[in-house]
Amino acid sequence: MKHIGAVQALVTAPEFDREPTAAELDAIESEMPLITAEVELLDAQITAMDRPVNELDARRGRRARNRVLATRRDLTNRTASTMSLSGGAA
C-alpha cells in the first residue's frame, strides 16, 4: 500500500499561522460594543426558544434588538465621520 502525500507545500499555510495585526485588533476593539449587543440579542432569542414567551422575555428581546440597532447606528456614524475627516472618496 502506497502512502499518498502532498507533493508541494501548502500555499496558504503562512496566512493561517500568523497573529492578528494591530489594525485588525483595533477593528475588533472598535466593534466590540456591537459584538456584545448581538450576543445579548442571541441570548434573549435562545431564552425565548426554551419556553413560552412571557412579557419579561418579550421586553428583554425588544431591548436587546434596540441596543443592537443603536450600536450599529453609532458605529456607522463613527465610521462615516472618520472617513469624512480623513478625506474619503470625492
PDB file of N, CA and C in Angstrom:
ATOM      1  N   MET A   1       0.845  -1.167   0.000  1.00  0.00           N
ATOM      2  CA  MET A   1       0.000   0.000   0.000  1.00  0.00           C
ATOM      3  C   MET A   1       0.894   1.235   0.000  1.00  0.00           C
ATOM      4  N   LYS A   2       0.602   2.154  -0.914  1.00  0.00           N
ATOM      5  CA  LYS A   2       1.389   3.369  -1.027  1.00  0.00           C
ATOM      6  C   LYS A   2       0.839   4.455  -0.112  1.00  0.00           C
ATOM      7  N   HIS A   3       1.752   5.282   0.372  1.00  0.00           N
ATOM      8  CA  HIS A   3       1.348   6.446   1.152  1.00  0.00           C
ATOM      9  C   HIS A   3       1.162   7.610   0.192  1.00  0.00           C
ATOM     10  N   ILE A   4       0.010   8.233   0.251  1.00  0.00           N
ATOM     11  CA  ILE A   4      -0.274   9.365  -0.625  1.00  0.00           C
ATOM     12  C   ILE A   4      -0.095  10.637   0.195  1.00  0.00           C
ATOM     13  N   GLY A   5       0.759  11.529  -0.266  1.00  0.00           N
ATOM     14  CA  GLY A   5       1.015  12.771   0.454  1.00  0.00           C
ATOM     15  C   GLY A   5       1.112  13.928  -0.516  1.00  0.00           C
ATOM     16  N   ALA A   6       1.132  15.102   0.022  1.00  0.00           N
ATOM     17  CA  ALA A   6       1.235  16.295  -0.803  1.00  0.00           C
ATOM     18  C   ALA A   6       2.633  16.393  -1.394  1.00  0.00           C
ATOM     19  N   VAL A   7       2.697  16.753  -2.657  1.00  0.00           N
ATOM     20  CA  VAL A   7       3.971  16.876  -3.345  1.00  0.00           C
ATOM     21  C   VAL A   7       4.615  18.230  -3.041  1.00  0.00           C
ATOM     22  N   GLN A   8       3.797  19.254  -2.854  1.00  0.00           N
ATOM     23  CA  GLN A   8       4.334  20.585  -2.593  1.00  0.00           C
ATOM     24  C   GLN A   8       3.738  21.142  -1.303  1.00  0.00           C
ATOM     25  N   ALA A   9       4.398  22.140  -0.771  1.00  0.00           N
ATOM     26  CA  ALA A   9       3.936  22.747   0.467  1.00  0.00           C
ATOM     27  C   ALA A   9       2.638  23.518   0.223  1.00  0.00           C
ATOM     28  N   LEU A  10       1.877  23.672   1.260  1.00  0.00           N
ATOM     29  CA  LEU A  10       0.640  24.441   1.150  1.00  0.00           C
ATOM     30  C   LEU A  10       0.953  25.890   0.815  1.00  0.00           C
ATOM     31  N   VAL A  11       0.188  26.447  -0.072  1.00  0.00           N
ATOM     32  CA  VAL A  11       0.422  27.821  -0.500  1.00  0.00           C
ATOM     33  C   VAL A  11      -0.088  28.811   0.550  1.00  0.00           C
ATOM     34  N   THR A  12      -1.174  28.481   1.220  1.00  0.00           N
ATOM     35  CA  THR A  12      -1.790  29.425   2.148  1.00  0.00           C
ATOM     36  C   THR A  12      -1.436  29.162   3.608  1.00  0.00           C
ATOM     37  N   ALA A  13      -0.528  28.261   3.891  1.00  0.00           N
ATOM     38  CA  ALA A  13      -0.201  27.925   5.278  1.00  0.00           C
ATOM     39  C   ALA A  13       0.264  29.127   6.094  1.00  0.00           C
ATOM     40  N   PRO A  14       1.140  29.981   5.602  1.00  0.00           N
ATOM     41  CA  PRO A  14       1.578  31.100   6.443  1.00  0.00           C
ATOM     42  C   PRO A  14       0.442  32.049   6.821  1.00  0.00           C
ATOM     43  N   GLU A  15      -0.593  32.161   6.020  1.00  0.00           N
ATOM     44  CA  GLU A  15      -1.713  33.050   6.312  1.00  0.00           C
ATOM     45  C   GLU A  15      -2.431  32.624   7.590  1.00  0.00           C
ATOM     46  N   PHE A  16      -2.549  31.334   7.821  1.00  0.00           N
ATOM     47  CA  PHE A  16      -3.279  30.845   8.981  1.00  0.00           C
ATOM     48  C   PHE A  16      -2.409  30.781  10.236  1.00  0.00           C
ATOM     49  N   ASP A  17      -1.111  30.840  10.077  1.00  0.00           N
ATOM     50  CA  ASP A  17      -0.209  30.710  11.202  1.00  0.00           C
ATOM     51  C   ASP A  17       0.144  32.037  11.848  1.00  0.00           C
ATOM     52  N   ARG A  18      -0.390  33.125  11.353  1.00  0.00           N
ATOM     53  CA  ARG A  18       0.019  34.424  11.879  1.00  0.00           C
ATOM     54  C   ARG A  18      -0.950  34.921  12.939  1.00  0.00           C
ATOM     55  N   GLU A  19      -0.474  35.854  13.737  1.00  0.00           N
ATOM     56  CA  GLU A  19      -1.303  36.509  14.751  1.00  0.00           C
ATOM     57  C   GLU A  19      -2.009  37.701  14.111  1.00  0.00           C
ATOM     58  N   PRO A  20      -3.085  38.188  14.723  1.00  0.00           N
ATOM     59  CA  PRO A  20      -3.756  39.368  14.166  1.00  0.00           C
ATOM     60  C   PRO A  20      -2.852  40.597  14.255  1.00  0.00           C
ATOM     61  N   THR A  21      -2.965  41.445  13.260  1.00  0.00           N
ATOM     62  CA  THR A  21      -2.165  42.672  13.248  1.00  0.00           C
ATOM     63  C   THR A  21      -2.781  43.686  14.198  1.00  0.00           C
ATOM     64  N   ALA A  22      -2.053  44.751  14.453  1.00  0.00           N
ATOM     65  CA  ALA A  22      -2.562  45.801  15.333  1.00  0.00           C
ATOM     66  C   ALA A  22      -3.817  46.441  14.744  1.00  0.00           C
ATOM     67  N   ALA A  23      -3.840  46.608  13.427  1.00  0.00           N
ATOM     68  CA  ALA A  23      -5.019  47.194  12.780  1.00  0.00           C
ATOM     69  C   ALA A  23      -6.238  46.279  12.929  1.00  0.00           C
ATOM     70  N   GLU A  24      -6.037  44.974  12.809  1.00  0.00           N
ATOM     71  CA  GLU A  24      -7.146  44.040  12.972  1.00  0.00           C
ATOM     72  C   GLU A  24      -7.654  44.037  14.415  1.00  0.00           C
ATOM     73  N   LEU A  25      -6.732  44.106  15.374  1.00  0.00           N
ATOM     74  CA  LEU A  25      -7.138  44.163  16.774  1.00  0.00           C
ATOM     75  C   LEU A  25      -7.879  45.460  17.087  1.00  0.00           C
ATOM     76  N   ASP A  26      -7.453  46.566  16.484  1.00  0.00           N
ATOM     77  CA  ASP A  26      -8.155  47.838  16.668  1.00  0.00           C
ATOM     78  C   ASP A  26      -9.565  47.779  16.084  1.00  0.00           C
ATOM     79  N   ALA A  27      -9.702  47.131  14.924  1.00  0.00           N
ATOM     80  CA  ALA A  27     -11.022  46.995  14.305  1.00  0.00           C
ATOM     81  C   ALA A  27     -11.951  46.157  15.186  1.00  0.00           C
ATOM     82  N   ILE A  28     -11.424  45.095  15.757  1.00  0.00           N
ATOM     83  CA  ILE A  28     -12.223  44.251  16.649  1.00  0.00           C
ATOM     84  C   ILE A  28     -12.617  45.041  17.890  1.00  0.00           C
ATOM     85  N   GLU A  29     -11.662  45.794  18.429  1.00  0.00           N
ATOM     86  CA  GLU A  29     -11.934  46.597  19.626  1.00  0.00           C
ATOM     87  C   GLU A  29     -13.015  47.645  19.366  1.00  0.00           C
ATOM     88  N   SER A  30     -12.981  48.267  18.194  1.00  0.00           N
ATOM     89  CA  SER A  30     -13.987  49.281  17.891  1.00  0.00           C
ATOM     90  C   SER A  30     -15.366  48.663  17.658  1.00  0.00           C
ATOM     91  N   GLU A  31     -15.430  47.399  17.237  1.00  0.00           N
ATOM     92  CA  GLU A  31     -16.706  46.724  17.000  1.00  0.00           C
ATOM     93  C   GLU A  31     -17.184  45.928  18.216  1.00  0.00           C
ATOM     94  N   MET A  32     -16.421  45.947  19.307  1.00  0.00           N
ATOM     95  CA  MET A  32     -16.770  45.150  20.478  1.00  0.00           C
ATOM     96  C   MET A  32     -18.133  45.502  21.074  1.00  0.00           C
ATOM     97  N   PRO A  33     -18.558  46.773  21.144  1.00  0.00           N
ATOM     98  CA  PRO A  33     -19.909  47.044  21.652  1.00  0.00           C
ATOM     99  C   PRO A  33     -20.996  46.377  20.799  1.00  0.00           C
ATOM    100  N   LEU A  34     -20.804  46.351  19.488  1.00  0.00           N
ATOM    101  CA  LEU A  34     -21.776  45.691  18.613  1.00  0.00           C
ATOM    102  C   LEU A  34     -21.768  44.181  18.835  1.00  0.00           C
ATOM    103  N   ILE A  35     -20.595  43.613  18.977  1.00  0.00           N
ATOM    104  CA  ILE A  35     -20.493  42.173  19.225  1.00  0.00           C
ATOM    105  C   ILE A  35     -21.194  41.814  20.524  1.00  0.00           C
ATOM    106  N   THR A  36     -20.978  42.604  21.558  1.00  0.00           N
ATOM    107  CA  THR A  36     -21.619  42.357  22.854  1.00  0.00           C
ATOM    108  C   THR A  36     -23.135  42.484  22.746  1.00  0.00           C
ATOM    109  N   ALA A  37     -23.611  43.498  22.040  1.00  0.00           N
ATOM    110  CA  ALA A  37     -25.052  43.686  21.873  1.00  0.00           C
ATOM    111  C   ALA A  37     -25.666  42.523  21.090  1.00  0.00           C
ATOM    112  N   GLU A  38     -24.980  42.040  20.075  1.00  0.00           N
ATOM    113  CA  GLU A  38     -25.502  40.909  19.298  1.00  0.00           C
ATOM    114  C   GLU A  38     -25.516  39.629  20.119  1.00  0.00           C
ATOM    115  N   VAL A  39     -24.529  39.443  20.990  1.00  0.00           N
ATOM    116  CA  VAL A  39     -24.522  38.271  21.874  1.00  0.00           C
ATOM    117  C   VAL A  39     -25.699  38.339  22.842  1.00  0.00           C
ATOM    118  N   GLU A  40     -25.986  39.521  23.376  1.00  0.00           N
ATOM    119  CA  GLU A  40     -27.136  39.677  24.272  1.00  0.00           C
ATOM    120  C   GLU A  40     -28.452  39.405  23.540  1.00  0.00           C
ATOM    121  N   LEU A  41     -28.551  39.843  22.290  1.00  0.00           N
ATOM    122  CA  LEU A  41     -29.751  39.560  21.495  1.00  0.00           C
ATOM    123  C   LEU A  41     -29.894  38.063  21.256  1.00  0.00           C
ATOM    124  N   LEU A  42     -28.807  37.418  20.922  1.00  0.00           N
ATOM    125  CA  LEU A  42     -28.843  35.978  20.695  1.00  0.00           C
ATOM    126  C   LEU A  42     -29.236  35.243  21.971  1.00  0.00           C
ATOM    127  N   ASP A  43     -28.728  35.691  23.106  1.00  0.00           N
ATOM    128  CA  ASP A  43     -29.083  35.089  24.380  1.00  0.00           C
ATOM    129  C   ASP A  43     -30.574  35.251  24.656  1.00  0.00           C
ATOM    130  N   ALA A  44     -31.117  36.417  24.362  1.00  0.00           N
ATOM    131  CA  ALA A  44     -32.555  36.647  24.561  1.00  0.00           C
ATOM    132  C   ALA A  44     -33.378  35.758  23.630  1.00  0.00           C
ATOM    133  N   GLN A  45     -32.921  35.584  22.406  1.00  0.00           N
ATOM    134  CA  GLN A  45     -33.647  34.735  21.455  1.00  0.00           C
ATOM    135  C   GLN A  45     -33.602  33.268  21.877  1.00  0.00           C
ATOM    136  N   ILE A  46     -32.459  32.823  22.372  1.00  0.00           N
ATOM    137  CA  ILE A  46     -32.339  31.432  22.822  1.00  0.00           C
ATOM    138  C   ILE A  46     -33.232  31.195  24.036  1.00  0.00           C
ATOM    139  N   THR A  47     -33.260  32.158  24.946  1.00  0.00           N
ATOM    140  CA  THR A  47     -34.120  32.035  26.121  1.00  0.00           C
ATOM    141  C   THR A  47     -35.586  31.935  25.712  1.00  0.00           C
ATOM    142  N   ALA A  48     -35.981  32.703  24.727  1.00  0.00           N
ATOM    143  CA  ALA A  48     -37.370  32.680  24.269  1.00  0.00           C
ATOM    144  C   ALA A  48     -37.720  31.369  23.575  1.00  0.00           C
ATOM    145  N   MET A  49     -36.732  30.669  23.064  1.00  0.00           N
ATOM    146  CA  MET A  49     -37.000  29.396  22.387  1.00  0.00           C
ATOM    147  C   MET A  49     -37.278  28.266  23.375  1.00  0.00           C
ATOM    148  N   ASP A  50     -36.743  28.375  24.580  1.00  0.00           N
ATOM    149  CA  ASP A  50     -36.841  27.292  25.559  1.00  0.00           C
ATOM    150  C   ASP A  50     -38.204  27.177  26.225  1.00  0.00           C
ATOM    151  N   ARG A  51     -38.956  28.259  26.217  1.00  0.00           N
ATOM    152  CA  ARG A  51     -40.247  28.248  26.917  1.00  0.00           C
ATOM    153  C   ARG A  51     -41.192  29.233  26.236  1.00  0.00           C
ATOM    154  N   PRO A  52     -42.461  29.197  26.594  1.00  0.00           N
ATOM    155  CA  PRO A  52     -43.386  30.186  26.025  1.00  0.00           C
ATOM    156  C   PRO A  52     -42.955  31.600  26.417  1.00  0.00           C
ATOM    157  N   VAL A  53     -43.059  32.501  25.478  1.00  0.00           N
ATOM    158  CA  VAL A  53     -42.603  33.869  25.700  1.00  0.00           C
ATOM    159  C   VAL A  53     -43.575  34.591  26.623  1.00  0.00           C
ATOM    160  N   ASN A  54     -43.040  35.123  27.722  1.00  0.00           N
ATOM    161  CA  ASN A  54     -43.854  35.946  28.600  1.00  0.00           C
ATOM    162  C   ASN A  54     -43.480  37.410  28.361  1.00  0.00           C
ATOM    163  N   GLU A  55     -44.112  38.309  29.104  1.00  0.00           N
ATOM    164  CA  GLU A  55     -43.883  39.746  28.891  1.00  0.00           C
ATOM    165  C   GLU A  55     -42.439  40.137  29.170  1.00  0.00           C
ATOM    166  N   LEU A  56     -41.841  39.537  30.180  1.00  0.00           N
ATOM    167  CA  LEU A  56     -40.456  39.852  30.523  1.00  0.00           C
ATOM    168  C   LEU A  56     -39.495  39.434  29.410  1.00  0.00           C
ATOM    169  N   ASP A  57     -39.716  38.244  28.848  1.00  0.00           N
ATOM    170  CA  ASP A  57     -38.866  37.782  27.740  1.00  0.00           C
ATOM    171  C   ASP A  57     -39.038  38.659  26.504  1.00  0.00           C
ATOM    172  N   ALA A  58     -40.287  39.052  26.225  1.00  0.00           N
ATOM    173  CA  ALA A  58     -40.543  39.907  25.068  1.00  0.00           C
ATOM    174  C   ALA A  58     -39.861  41.259  25.246  1.00  0.00           C
ATOM    175  N   ARG A  59     -39.932  41.816  26.441  1.00  0.00           N
ATOM    176  CA  ARG A  59     -39.286  43.102  26.716  1.00  0.00           C
ATOM    177  C   ARG A  59     -37.763  42.981  26.600  1.00  0.00           C
ATOM    178  N   ARG A  60     -37.234  41.887  27.109  1.00  0.00           N
ATOM    179  CA  ARG A  60     -35.785  41.661  27.006  1.00  0.00           C
ATOM    180  C   ARG A  60     -35.348  41.566  25.544  1.00  0.00           C
ATOM    181  N   GLY A  61     -36.137  40.885  24.729  1.00  0.00           N
ATOM    182  CA  GLY A  61     -35.828  40.776  23.303  1.00  0.00           C
ATOM    183  C   GLY A  61     -35.898  42.119  22.594  1.00  0.00           C
ATOM    184  N   ARG A  62     -36.927  42.911  22.899  1.00  0.00           N
ATOM    185  CA  ARG A  62     -37.045  44.243  22.289  1.00  0.00           C
ATOM    186  C   ARG A  62     -35.884  45.136  22.682  1.00  0.00           C
ATOM    187  N   ARG A  63     -35.529  45.117  23.959  1.00  0.00           N
ATOM    188  CA  ARG A  63     -34.403  45.945  24.416  1.00  0.00           C
ATOM    189  C   ARG A  63     -33.103  45.526  23.764  1.00  0.00           C
ATOM    190  N   ALA A  64     -32.890  44.228  23.652  1.00  0.00           N
ATOM    191  CA  ALA A  64     -31.664  43.740  23.017  1.00  0.00           C
ATOM    192  C   ALA A  64     -31.631  44.126  21.535  1.00  0.00           C
ATOM    193  N   ARG A  65     -32.770  44.010  20.847  1.00  0.00           N
ATOM    194  CA  ARG A  65     -32.849  44.391  19.442  1.00  0.00           C
ATOM    195  C   ARG A  65     -32.591  45.887  19.261  1.00  0.00           C
ATOM    196  N   ASN A  66     -33.190  46.693  20.132  1.00  0.00           N
ATOM    197  CA  ASN A  66     -32.960  48.140  20.064  1.00  0.00           C
ATOM    198  C   ASN A  66     -31.509  48.501  20.364  1.00  0.00           C
ATOM    199  N   ARG A  67     -30.885  47.765  21.286  1.00  0.00           N
ATOM    200  CA  ARG A  67     -29.483  48.018  21.603  1.00  0.00           C
ATOM    201  C   ARG A  67     -28.583  47.687  20.411  1.00  0.00           C
ATOM    202  N   VAL A  68     -28.901  46.610  19.706  1.00  0.00           N
ATOM    203  CA  VAL A  68     -28.125  46.255  18.508  1.00  0.00           C
ATOM    204  C   VAL A  68     -28.274  47.342  17.455  1.00  0.00           C
ATOM    205  N   LEU A  69     -29.500  47.786  17.228  1.00  0.00           N
ATOM    206  CA  LEU A  69     -29.727  48.821  16.221  1.00  0.00           C
ATOM    207  C   LEU A  69     -29.033  50.126  16.581  1.00  0.00           C
ATOM    208  N   ALA A  70     -29.104  50.522  17.847  1.00  0.00           N
ATOM    209  CA  ALA A  70     -28.454  51.755  18.276  1.00  0.00           C
ATOM    210  C   ALA A  70     -26.936  51.653  18.163  1.00  0.00           C
ATOM    211  N   THR A  71     -26.397  50.506  18.510  1.00  0.00           N
ATOM    212  CA  THR A  71     -24.949  50.314  18.423  1.00  0.00           C
ATOM    213  C   THR A  71     -24.494  50.303  16.973  1.00  0.00           C
ATOM    214  N   ARG A  72     -25.272  49.664  16.091  1.00  0.00           N
ATOM    215  CA  ARG A  72     -24.930  49.692  14.660  1.00  0.00           C
ATOM    216  C   ARG A  72     -24.960  51.119  14.124  1.00  0.00           C
ATOM    217  N   ARG A  73     -25.978  51.878  14.521  1.00  0.00           N
ATOM    218  CA  ARG A  73     -26.080  53.270  14.091  1.00  0.00           C
ATOM    219  C   ARG A  73     -24.865  54.069  14.559  1.00  0.00           C
ATOM    220  N   ASP A  74     -24.515  53.923  15.834  1.00  0.00           N
ATOM    221  CA  ASP A  74     -23.369  54.659  16.375  1.00  0.00           C
ATOM    222  C   ASP A  74     -22.075  54.277  15.676  1.00  0.00           C
ATOM    223  N   LEU A  75     -21.901  52.977  15.439  1.00  0.00           N
ATOM    224  CA  LEU A  75     -20.685  52.514  14.768  1.00  0.00           C
ATOM    225  C   LEU A  75     -20.623  53.023  13.331  1.00  0.00           C
ATOM    226  N   THR A  76     -21.761  53.018  12.640  1.00  0.00           N
ATOM    227  CA  THR A  76     -21.802  53.514  11.269  1.00  0.00           C
ATOM    228  C   THR A  76     -21.529  55.013  11.220  1.00  0.00           C
ATOM    229  N   ASN A  77     -22.137  55.757  12.130  1.00  0.00           N
ATOM    230  CA  ASN A  77     -21.901  57.202  12.168  1.00  0.00           C
ATOM    231  C   ASN A  77     -20.447  57.523  12.503  1.00  0.00           C
ATOM    232  N   ARG A  78     -19.872  56.767  13.414  1.00  0.00           N
ATOM    233  CA  ARG A  78     -18.473  56.991  13.773  1.00  0.00           C
ATOM    234  C   ARG A  78     -17.557  56.679  12.597  1.00  0.00           C
ATOM    235  N   THR A  79     -17.858  55.603  11.874  1.00  0.00           N
ATOM    236  CA  THR A  79     -17.063  55.234  10.707  1.00  0.00           C
ATOM    237  C   THR A  79     -17.221  56.282   9.606  1.00  0.00           C
ATOM    238  N   ALA A  80     -18.454  56.754   9.395  1.00  0.00           N
ATOM    239  CA  ALA A  80     -18.699  57.758   8.358  1.00  0.00           C
ATOM    240  C   ALA A  80     -18.010  59.076   8.697  1.00  0.00           C
ATOM    241  N   SER A  81     -18.041  59.483   9.959  1.00  0.00           N
ATOM    242  CA  SER A  81     -17.394  60.734  10.335  1.00  0.00           C
ATOM    243  C   SER A  81     -15.883  60.618  10.244  1.00  0.00           C
ATOM    244  N   THR A  82     -15.343  59.446  10.529  1.00  0.00           N
ATOM    245  CA  THR A  82     -13.898  59.234  10.408  1.00  0.00           C
ATOM    246  C   THR A  82     -13.476  59.315   8.946  1.00  0.00           C
ATOM    247  N   MET A  83     -14.299  58.742   8.062  1.00  0.00           N
ATOM    248  CA  MET A  83     -13.971  58.774   6.635  1.00  0.00           C
ATOM    249  C   MET A  83     -14.075  60.188   6.082  1.00  0.00           C
ATOM    250  N   SER A  84     -15.058  60.961   6.543  1.00  0.00           N
ATOM    251  CA  SER A  84     -15.206  62.313   6.038  1.00  0.00           C
ATOM    252  C   SER A  84     -14.080  63.212   6.544  1.00  0.00           C
ATOM    253  N   LEU A  85     -13.594  62.951   7.742  1.00  0.00           N
ATOM    254  CA  LEU A  85     -12.479  63.717   8.274  1.00  0.00           C
ATOM    255  C   LEU A  85     -11.173  63.384   7.581  1.00  0.00           C
ATOM    256  N   SER A  86     -11.041  62.139   7.164  1.00  0.00           N
ATOM    257  CA  SER A  86      -9.796  61.720   6.529  1.00  0.00           C
ATOM    258  C   SER A  86      -9.804  62.015   5.032  1.00  0.00           C
ATOM    259  N   GLY A  87     -10.853  62.640   4.531  1.00  0.00           N
ATOM    260  CA  GLY A  87     -10.917  62.991   3.120  1.00  0.00           C
ATOM    261  C   GLY A  87     -11.171  61.796   2.238  1.00  0.00           C
ATOM    262  N   GLY A  88     -12.234  61.070   2.507  1.00  0.00           N
ATOM    263  CA  GLY A  88     -12.587  59.870   1.744  1.00  0.00           C
ATOM    264  C   GLY A  88     -12.811  60.161   0.278  1.00  0.00           C
ATOM    265  N   ALA A  89     -13.419  59.242  -0.405  1.00  0.00           N
ATOM    266  CA  ALA A  89     -13.647  59.374  -1.849  1.00  0.00           C
ATOM    267  C   ALA A  89     -14.481  60.617  -2.155  1.00  0.00           C
ATOM    268  N   ALA A  90     -14.129  61.290  -3.218  1.00  0.00           N
ATOM    269  CA  ALA A  90     -14.831  62.535  -3.582  1.00  0.00           C
ATOM    270  C   ALA A  90     -16.005  62.254  -4.474  1.00  0.00           C
TER     271      ALA A  90
END
